[in-house]
Full PDB file with SEQRES, HELIX, SHEET, SSBOND, CRYST1, ORIGX, SCALE, CONECT and MASTER records, all heavy atoms in Angstrom:
SEQRES   1 A   35  VAL ARG SER LEU VAL TYR THR ASP ASP ALA MET GLN LEU          
SEQRES   2 A   35  ALA ALA HIS ALA SER GLU ALA TRP VAL ASP PRO MET GLY          
SEQRES   3 A   35  GLY VAL ALA LEU THR GLY PRO GLY GLY                          
HELIX    1 AA1 ASP A    8  ALA A   14  1                                   7    
SHEET    1 AA1 2 ARG A   2  TYR A   6  0                                        
SHEET    2 AA1 2 TRP A  21  VAL A  28  1                                        
CRYST1    1.000    1.000    1.000  90.00  90.00  90.00 P 1           1          
ORIGX1      1.000000  0.000000  0.000000        0.00000                         
ORIGX2      0.000000  1.000000  0.000000        0.00000                         
ORIGX3      0.000000  0.000000  1.000000        0.00000                         
SCALE1      1.000000  0.000000  0.000000        0.00000                         
SCALE2      0.000000  1.000000  0.000000        0.00000                         
SCALE3      0.000000  0.000000  1.000000        0.00000                         
ATOM      1  N   VAL A   1      45.631 150.431 120.672  1.00  0.00           N  
ATOM      2  CA  VAL A   1      46.645 150.588 121.691  1.00  0.00           C  
ATOM      3  C   VAL A   1      46.910 152.058 121.926  1.00  0.00           C  
ATOM      4  O   VAL A   1      47.005 152.805 120.940  1.00  0.00           O  
ATOM      5  CB  VAL A   1      47.905 149.852 121.363  1.00  0.00           C  
ATOM      6  CG1 VAL A   1      49.008 150.084 122.381  1.00  0.00           C  
ATOM      7  CG2 VAL A   1      47.687 148.370 121.202  1.00  0.00           C  
ATOM      8  N   ARG A   2      47.088 152.480 123.109  1.00  0.00           N  
ATOM      9  CA  ARG A   2      47.458 153.932 123.414  1.00  0.00           C  
ATOM     10  C   ARG A   2      48.584 153.903 124.456  1.00  0.00           C  
ATOM     11  O   ARG A   2      48.702 153.000 125.305  1.00  0.00           O  
ATOM     12  CB  ARG A   2      46.270 154.731 123.925  1.00  0.00           C  
ATOM     13  CG  ARG A   2      45.843 154.481 125.377  1.00  0.00           C  
ATOM     14  CD  ARG A   2      44.997 155.644 125.919  1.00  0.00           C  
ATOM     15  NE  ARG A   2      45.726 156.872 125.984  1.00  0.00           N  
ATOM     16  CZ  ARG A   2      46.480 157.194 127.082  1.00  0.00           C  
ATOM     17  NH1 ARG A   2      46.612 156.364 128.059  1.00  0.00           N  
ATOM     18  NH2 ARG A   2      47.090 158.372 127.164  1.00  0.00           N  
ATOM     19  N   SER A   3      49.342 154.999 124.447  1.00  0.00           N  
ATOM     20  CA  SER A   3      50.356 155.180 125.444  1.00  0.00           C  
ATOM     21  C   SER A   3      50.828 156.619 125.429  1.00  0.00           C  
ATOM     22  O   SER A   3      50.605 157.375 124.396  1.00  0.00           O  
ATOM     23  CB  SER A   3      51.559 154.265 125.271  1.00  0.00           C  
ATOM     24  OG  SER A   3      52.464 154.427 126.287  1.00  0.00           O  
ATOM     25  N   LEU A   4      51.411 157.063 126.484  1.00  0.00           N  
ATOM     26  CA  LEU A   4      52.079 158.347 126.480  1.00  0.00           C  
ATOM     27  C   LEU A   4      53.421 158.280 125.782  1.00  0.00           C  
ATOM     28  O   LEU A   4      53.761 159.115 124.906  1.00  0.00           O  
ATOM     29  CB  LEU A   4      52.121 158.860 127.865  1.00  0.00           C  
ATOM     30  CG  LEU A   4      52.763 160.258 128.040  1.00  0.00           C  
ATOM     31  CD1 LEU A   4      51.856 161.287 127.331  1.00  0.00           C  
ATOM     32  CD2 LEU A   4      52.873 160.658 129.551  1.00  0.00           C  
ATOM     33  N   VAL A   5      54.142 157.297 126.160  1.00  0.00           N  
ATOM     34  CA  VAL A   5      55.478 157.034 125.601  1.00  0.00           C  
ATOM     35  C   VAL A   5      55.622 155.527 125.275  1.00  0.00           C  
ATOM     36  O   VAL A   5      55.314 154.700 126.121  1.00  0.00           O  
ATOM     37  CB  VAL A   5      56.632 157.459 126.534  1.00  0.00           C  
ATOM     38  CG1 VAL A   5      58.000 157.084 125.920  1.00  0.00           C  
ATOM     39  CG2 VAL A   5      56.555 158.966 126.797  1.00  0.00           C  
ATOM     40  N   TYR A   6      56.069 155.247 124.063  1.00  0.00           N  
ATOM     41  CA  TYR A   6      56.318 153.851 123.676  1.00  0.00           C  
ATOM     42  C   TYR A   6      57.859 153.570 123.719  1.00  0.00           C  
ATOM     43  O   TYR A   6      58.622 154.207 123.021  1.00  0.00           O  
ATOM     44  CB  TYR A   6      55.813 153.609 122.288  1.00  0.00           C  
ATOM     45  CG  TYR A   6      54.378 153.539 122.035  1.00  0.00           C  
ATOM     46  CD1 TYR A   6      53.680 154.694 121.670  1.00  0.00           C  
ATOM     47  CD2 TYR A   6      53.642 152.420 122.365  1.00  0.00           C  
ATOM     48  CE1 TYR A   6      52.252 154.711 121.481  1.00  0.00           C  
ATOM     49  CE2 TYR A   6      52.281 152.371 122.096  1.00  0.00           C  
ATOM     50  CZ  TYR A   6      51.581 153.503 121.731  1.00  0.00           C  
ATOM     51  OH  TYR A   6      50.161 153.499 121.548  1.00  0.00           O  
ATOM     52  N   THR A   7      58.231 152.656 124.607  1.00  0.00           N  
ATOM     53  CA  THR A   7      59.597 152.116 124.600  1.00  0.00           C  
ATOM     54  C   THR A   7      59.503 150.785 123.786  1.00  0.00           C  
ATOM     55  O   THR A   7      58.479 150.413 123.245  1.00  0.00           O  
ATOM     56  CB  THR A   7      60.107 151.935 126.009  1.00  0.00           C  
ATOM     57  OG1 THR A   7      59.184 151.161 126.729  1.00  0.00           O  
ATOM     58  CG2 THR A   7      60.315 153.300 126.641  1.00  0.00           C  
ATOM     59  N   ASP A   8      60.644 150.053 123.750  1.00  0.00           N  
ATOM     60  CA  ASP A   8      60.717 148.857 122.868  1.00  0.00           C  
ATOM     61  C   ASP A   8      59.623 147.928 123.053  1.00  0.00           C  
ATOM     62  O   ASP A   8      58.987 147.384 122.082  1.00  0.00           O  
ATOM     63  CB  ASP A   8      62.081 148.179 123.121  1.00  0.00           C  
ATOM     64  CG  ASP A   8      63.284 149.075 122.769  1.00  0.00           C  
ATOM     65  OD1 ASP A   8      63.079 150.276 122.665  1.00  0.00           O  
ATOM     66  OD2 ASP A   8      64.373 148.467 122.647  1.00  0.00           O  
ATOM     67  N   ASP A   9      59.366 147.569 124.336  1.00  0.00           N  
ATOM     68  CA  ASP A   9      58.361 146.516 124.631  1.00  0.00           C  
ATOM     69  C   ASP A   9      56.961 146.949 124.235  1.00  0.00           C  
ATOM     70  O   ASP A   9      56.203 146.193 123.602  1.00  0.00           O  
ATOM     71  CB  ASP A   9      58.373 146.139 126.120  1.00  0.00           C  
ATOM     72  CG  ASP A   9      59.792 145.824 126.607  1.00  0.00           C  
ATOM     73  OD1 ASP A   9      60.606 145.395 125.832  1.00  0.00           O  
ATOM     74  OD2 ASP A   9      60.104 146.070 127.812  1.00  0.00           O  
ATOM     75  N   ALA A  10      56.590 148.194 124.585  1.00  0.00           N  
ATOM     76  CA  ALA A  10      55.289 148.696 124.237  1.00  0.00           C  
ATOM     77  C   ALA A  10      55.133 148.870 122.715  1.00  0.00           C  
ATOM     78  O   ALA A  10      54.061 148.562 122.138  1.00  0.00           O  
ATOM     79  CB  ALA A  10      55.015 150.035 124.908  1.00  0.00           C  
ATOM     80  N   MET A  11      56.291 149.246 122.006  1.00  0.00           N  
ATOM     81  CA  MET A  11      56.186 149.395 120.595  1.00  0.00           C  
ATOM     82  C   MET A  11      56.006 148.014 119.929  1.00  0.00           C  
ATOM     83  O   MET A  11      55.366 147.921 118.872  1.00  0.00           O  
ATOM     84  CB  MET A  11      57.494 150.109 120.090  1.00  0.00           C  
ATOM     85  CG  MET A  11      57.454 150.459 118.618  1.00  0.00           C  
ATOM     86  SD  MET A  11      56.238 151.752 118.330  1.00  0.00           S  
ATOM     87  CE  MET A  11      55.215 150.929 117.172  1.00  0.00           C  
ATOM     88  N   GLN A  12      56.562 146.977 120.549  1.00  0.00           N  
ATOM     89  CA  GLN A  12      56.431 145.663 119.953  1.00  0.00           C  
ATOM     90  C   GLN A  12      54.997 145.251 119.955  1.00  0.00           C  
ATOM     91  O   GLN A  12      54.417 144.568 118.956  1.00  0.00           O  
ATOM     92  CB  GLN A  12      57.271 144.644 120.685  1.00  0.00           C  
ATOM     93  CG  GLN A  12      57.421 143.279 119.989  1.00  0.00           C  
ATOM     94  CD  GLN A  12      58.465 142.402 120.698  1.00  0.00           C  
ATOM     95  OE1 GLN A  12      59.091 142.810 121.592  1.00  0.00           O  
ATOM     96  NE2 GLN A  12      58.437 141.171 120.322  1.00  0.00           N  
ATOM     97  N   LEU A  13      54.237 145.589 121.007  1.00  0.00           N  
ATOM     98  CA  LEU A  13      52.810 145.305 121.052  1.00  0.00           C  
ATOM     99  C   LEU A  13      52.019 146.216 120.116  1.00  0.00           C  
ATOM    100  O   LEU A  13      51.172 145.789 119.347  1.00  0.00           O  
ATOM    101  CB  LEU A  13      52.264 145.498 122.506  1.00  0.00           C  
ATOM    102  CG  LEU A  13      52.808 144.467 123.538  1.00  0.00           C  
ATOM    103  CD1 LEU A  13      52.151 144.848 124.913  1.00  0.00           C  
ATOM    104  CD2 LEU A  13      52.470 143.069 123.164  1.00  0.00           C  
ATOM    105  N   ALA A  14      52.352 147.556 120.107  1.00  0.00           N  
ATOM    106  CA  ALA A  14      51.608 148.490 119.294  1.00  0.00           C  
ATOM    107  C   ALA A  14      51.760 148.171 117.775  1.00  0.00           C  
ATOM    108  O   ALA A  14      50.872 148.452 116.995  1.00  0.00           O  
ATOM    109  CB  ALA A  14      52.217 149.862 119.534  1.00  0.00           C  
ATOM    110  N   ALA A  15      52.834 147.512 117.390  1.00  0.00           N  
ATOM    111  CA  ALA A  15      52.996 147.160 115.943  1.00  0.00           C  
ATOM    112  C   ALA A  15      51.872 146.198 115.542  1.00  0.00           C  
ATOM    113  O   ALA A  15      51.565 146.177 114.324  1.00  0.00           O  
ATOM    114  CB  ALA A  15      54.357 146.495 115.826  1.00  0.00           C  
ATOM    115  N   HIS A  16      51.333 145.423 116.437  1.00  0.00           N  
ATOM    116  CA  HIS A  16      50.317 144.452 116.120  1.00  0.00           C  
ATOM    117  C   HIS A  16      48.899 145.039 116.129  1.00  0.00           C  
ATOM    118  O   HIS A  16      47.913 144.328 115.883  1.00  0.00           O  
ATOM    119  CB  HIS A  16      50.392 143.241 117.045  1.00  0.00           C  
ATOM    120  CG  HIS A  16      51.621 142.409 116.883  1.00  0.00           C  
ATOM    121  ND1 HIS A  16      51.713 141.373 115.996  1.00  0.00           N  
ATOM    122  CD2 HIS A  16      52.793 142.502 117.471  1.00  0.00           C  
ATOM    123  CE1 HIS A  16      52.955 140.880 116.048  1.00  0.00           C  
ATOM    124  NE2 HIS A  16      53.581 141.563 116.927  1.00  0.00           N  
ATOM    125  N   ALA A  17      48.786 146.296 116.524  1.00  0.00           N  
ATOM    126  CA  ALA A  17      47.459 146.977 116.626  1.00  0.00           C  
ATOM    127  C   ALA A  17      47.015 147.465 115.282  1.00  0.00           C  
ATOM    128  O   ALA A  17      47.736 147.812 114.353  1.00  0.00           O  
ATOM    129  CB  ALA A  17      47.592 148.169 117.644  1.00  0.00           C  
ATOM    130  N   SER A  18      45.623 147.554 115.191  1.00  0.00           N  
ATOM    131  CA  SER A  18      45.025 148.155 113.980  1.00  0.00           C  
ATOM    132  C   SER A  18      45.119 149.654 114.091  1.00  0.00           C  
ATOM    133  O   SER A  18      45.095 150.338 113.087  1.00  0.00           O  
ATOM    134  CB  SER A  18      43.630 147.632 113.785  1.00  0.00           C  
ATOM    135  OG  SER A  18      42.835 147.791 114.958  1.00  0.00           O  
ATOM    136  N   GLU A  19      45.061 150.197 115.363  1.00  0.00           N  
ATOM    137  CA  GLU A  19      45.237 151.552 115.568  1.00  0.00           C  
ATOM    138  C   GLU A  19      46.127 151.778 116.770  1.00  0.00           C  
ATOM    139  O   GLU A  19      45.813 151.310 117.875  1.00  0.00           O  
ATOM    140  CB  GLU A  19      43.909 152.294 115.866  1.00  0.00           C  
ATOM    141  CG  GLU A  19      42.974 152.500 114.615  1.00  0.00           C  
ATOM    142  CD  GLU A  19      41.717 153.283 114.905  1.00  0.00           C  
ATOM    143  OE1 GLU A  19      41.770 154.102 115.868  1.00  0.00           O  
ATOM    144  OE2 GLU A  19      40.705 152.963 114.276  1.00  0.00           O  
ATOM    145  N   ALA A  20      47.277 152.495 116.509  1.00  0.00           N  
ATOM    146  CA  ALA A  20      48.149 152.824 117.658  1.00  0.00           C  
ATOM    147  C   ALA A  20      48.056 154.314 117.888  1.00  0.00           C  
ATOM    148  O   ALA A  20      48.336 155.134 116.967  1.00  0.00           O  
ATOM    149  CB  ALA A  20      49.586 152.373 117.351  1.00  0.00           C  
ATOM    150  N   TRP A  21      47.757 154.691 119.125  1.00  0.00           N  
ATOM    151  CA  TRP A  21      47.656 156.181 119.417  1.00  0.00           C  
ATOM    152  C   TRP A  21      48.761 156.534 120.397  1.00  0.00           C  
ATOM    153  O   TRP A  21      49.182 155.756 121.235  1.00  0.00           O  
ATOM    154  CB  TRP A  21      46.336 156.370 120.177  1.00  0.00           C  
ATOM    155  CG  TRP A  21      45.099 156.326 119.320  1.00  0.00           C  
ATOM    156  CD1 TRP A  21      44.670 155.318 118.543  1.00  0.00           C  
ATOM    157  CD2 TRP A  21      44.087 157.399 119.201  1.00  0.00           C  
ATOM    158  NE1 TRP A  21      43.568 155.593 117.849  1.00  0.00           N  
ATOM    159  CE2 TRP A  21      43.110 156.892 118.256  1.00  0.00           C  
ATOM    160  CE3 TRP A  21      43.941 158.585 119.705  1.00  0.00           C  
ATOM    161  CZ2 TRP A  21      42.024 157.685 117.898  1.00  0.00           C  
ATOM    162  CZ3 TRP A  21      42.842 159.377 119.366  1.00  0.00           C  
ATOM    163  CH2 TRP A  21      41.907 158.855 118.473  1.00  0.00           C  
ATOM    164  N   VAL A  22      49.167 157.755 120.251  1.00  0.00           N  
ATOM    165  CA  VAL A  22      50.192 158.308 121.188  1.00  0.00           C  
ATOM    166  C   VAL A  22      49.690 159.656 121.715  1.00  0.00           C  
ATOM    167  O   VAL A  22      48.965 160.403 120.918  1.00  0.00           O  
ATOM    168  CB  VAL A  22      51.568 158.540 120.523  1.00  0.00           C  
ATOM    169  CG1 VAL A  22      51.471 159.582 119.401  1.00  0.00           C  
ATOM    170  CG2 VAL A  22      52.611 158.846 121.520  1.00  0.00           C  
ATOM    171  N   ASP A  23      49.905 160.008 122.940  1.00  0.00           N  
ATOM    172  CA  ASP A  23      49.477 161.242 123.495  1.00  0.00           C  
ATOM    173  C   ASP A  23      50.240 162.445 122.896  1.00  0.00           C  
ATOM    174  O   ASP A  23      51.364 162.302 122.584  1.00  0.00           O  
ATOM    175  CB  ASP A  23      49.723 161.182 125.049  1.00  0.00           C  
ATOM    176  CG  ASP A  23      49.033 162.355 125.794  1.00  0.00           C  
ATOM    177  OD1 ASP A  23      49.649 163.414 125.817  1.00  0.00           O  
ATOM    178  OD2 ASP A  23      47.865 162.117 126.194  1.00  0.00           O  
ATOM    179  N   PRO A  24      49.597 163.533 122.742  1.00  0.00           N  
ATOM    180  CA  PRO A  24      50.279 164.704 122.210  1.00  0.00           C  
ATOM    181  C   PRO A  24      51.536 165.085 122.937  1.00  0.00           C  
ATOM    182  O   PRO A  24      52.460 165.657 122.435  1.00  0.00           O  
ATOM    183  CB  PRO A  24      49.229 165.862 122.252  1.00  0.00           C  
ATOM    184  CG  PRO A  24      47.986 165.173 122.351  1.00  0.00           C  
ATOM    185  CD  PRO A  24      48.223 163.887 123.009  1.00  0.00           C  
ATOM    186  N   MET A  25      51.601 164.773 124.260  1.00  0.00           N  
ATOM    187  CA  MET A  25      52.791 165.107 125.085  1.00  0.00           C  
ATOM    188  C   MET A  25      53.819 163.993 125.049  1.00  0.00           C  
ATOM    189  O   MET A  25      54.833 164.108 125.771  1.00  0.00           O  
ATOM    190  CB  MET A  25      52.362 165.361 126.530  1.00  0.00           C  
ATOM    191  CG  MET A  25      51.478 166.596 126.665  1.00  0.00           C  
ATOM    192  SD  MET A  25      52.233 168.179 126.232  1.00  0.00           S  
ATOM    193  CE  MET A  25      53.457 168.211 127.520  1.00  0.00           C  
ATOM    194  N   GLY A  26      53.586 162.939 124.282  1.00  0.00           N  
ATOM    195  CA  GLY A  26      54.431 161.757 124.340  1.00  0.00           C  
ATOM    196  C   GLY A  26      55.293 161.596 123.054  1.00  0.00           C  
ATOM    197  O   GLY A  26      55.532 162.494 122.310  1.00  0.00           O  
ATOM    198  N   GLY A  27      55.608 160.339 122.855  1.00  0.00           N  
ATOM    199  CA  GLY A  27      56.396 159.960 121.668  1.00  0.00           C  
ATOM    200  C   GLY A  27      56.859 158.562 121.786  1.00  0.00           C  
ATOM    201  O   GLY A  27      56.308 157.679 122.474  1.00  0.00           O  
ATOM    202  N   VAL A  28      57.934 158.252 120.961  1.00  0.00           N  
ATOM    203  CA  VAL A  28      58.524 156.843 120.888  1.00  0.00           C  
ATOM    204  C   VAL A  28      59.990 156.965 121.190  1.00  0.00           C  
ATOM    205  O   VAL A  28      60.669 157.834 120.660  1.00  0.00           O  
ATOM    206  CB  VAL A  28      58.291 156.195 119.518  1.00  0.00           C  
ATOM    207  CG1 VAL A  28      58.940 154.841 119.484  1.00  0.00           C  
ATOM    208  CG2 VAL A  28      56.769 156.124 119.307  1.00  0.00           C  
ATOM    209  N   ALA A  29      60.491 156.111 122.025  1.00  0.00           N  
ATOM    210  CA  ALA A  29      61.904 156.036 122.355  1.00  0.00           C  
ATOM    211  C   ALA A  29      62.389 154.615 122.259  1.00  0.00           C  
ATOM    212  O   ALA A  29      62.117 153.759 123.165  1.00  0.00           O  
ATOM    213  CB  ALA A  29      62.178 156.581 123.751  1.00  0.00           C  
ATOM    214  N   LEU A  30      63.117 154.278 121.186  1.00  0.00           N  
ATOM    215  CA  LEU A  30      63.537 152.854 120.951  1.00  0.00           C  
ATOM    216  C   LEU A  30      65.072 152.799 121.278  1.00  0.00           C  
ATOM    217  O   LEU A  30      65.864 153.573 120.731  1.00  0.00           O  
ATOM    218  CB  LEU A  30      63.289 152.515 119.492  1.00  0.00           C  
ATOM    219  CG  LEU A  30      61.840 152.561 119.004  1.00  0.00           C  
ATOM    220  CD1 LEU A  30      61.766 152.120 117.543  1.00  0.00           C  
ATOM    221  CD2 LEU A  30      60.928 151.731 119.903  1.00  0.00           C  
ATOM    222  N   THR A  31      65.416 151.889 122.216  1.00  0.00           N  
ATOM    223  CA  THR A  31      66.728 151.812 122.696  1.00  0.00           C  
ATOM    224  C   THR A  31      67.466 150.541 122.255  1.00  0.00           C  
ATOM    225  O   THR A  31      68.753 150.567 122.145  1.00  0.00           O  
ATOM    226  CB  THR A  31      66.863 151.921 124.193  1.00  0.00           C  
ATOM    227  OG1 THR A  31      66.077 150.856 124.768  1.00  0.00           O  
ATOM    228  CG2 THR A  31      66.220 153.236 124.693  1.00  0.00           C  
ATOM    229  N   GLY A  32      66.741 149.479 122.002  1.00  0.00           N  
ATOM    230  CA  GLY A  32      67.422 148.174 121.742  1.00  0.00           C  
ATOM    231  C   GLY A  32      67.889 147.512 123.065  1.00  0.00           C  
ATOM    232  O   GLY A  32      68.038 148.153 123.993  1.00  0.00           O  
ATOM    233  N   PRO A  33      68.250 146.252 122.858  1.00  0.00           N  
ATOM    234  CA  PRO A  33      68.711 145.523 124.031  1.00  0.00           C  
ATOM    235  C   PRO A  33      70.109 146.042 124.463  1.00  0.00           C  
ATOM    236  O   PRO A  33      70.891 146.499 123.633  1.00  0.00           O  
ATOM    237  CB  PRO A  33      68.794 144.123 123.599  1.00  0.00           C  
ATOM    238  CG  PRO A  33      68.933 144.147 122.133  1.00  0.00           C  
ATOM    239  CD  PRO A  33      68.180 145.407 121.661  1.00  0.00           C  
ATOM    240  N   GLY A  34      70.501 145.768 125.718  1.00  0.00           N  
ATOM    241  CA  GLY A  34      71.785 146.163 126.239  1.00  0.00           C  
ATOM    242  C   GLY A  34      71.628 147.028 127.442  1.00  0.00           C  
ATOM    243  O   GLY A  34      70.578 147.123 128.007  1.00  0.00           O  
ATOM    244  N   GLY A  35      72.682 147.554 127.949  1.00  0.00           N  
ATOM    245  CA  GLY A  35      72.715 148.328 129.150  1.00  0.00           C  
ATOM    246  C   GLY A  35      74.097 148.476 129.741  1.00  0.00           C  
ATOM    247  O   GLY A  35      75.085 148.070 129.144  1.00  0.00           O  
TER     248      GLY A  35                                                      
MASTER        0    0    0    1    2    0    0    6  247    1    0    3          
END                                                                             
């Protein structure tokens, strides 16, 4: 799995990958449910 930025939904998928890649210009932003 690859992405530039992982939010909650993408991170949930990436957790199941054997290899999760992130772009050097990206990162992870976990917010949780709500709004």
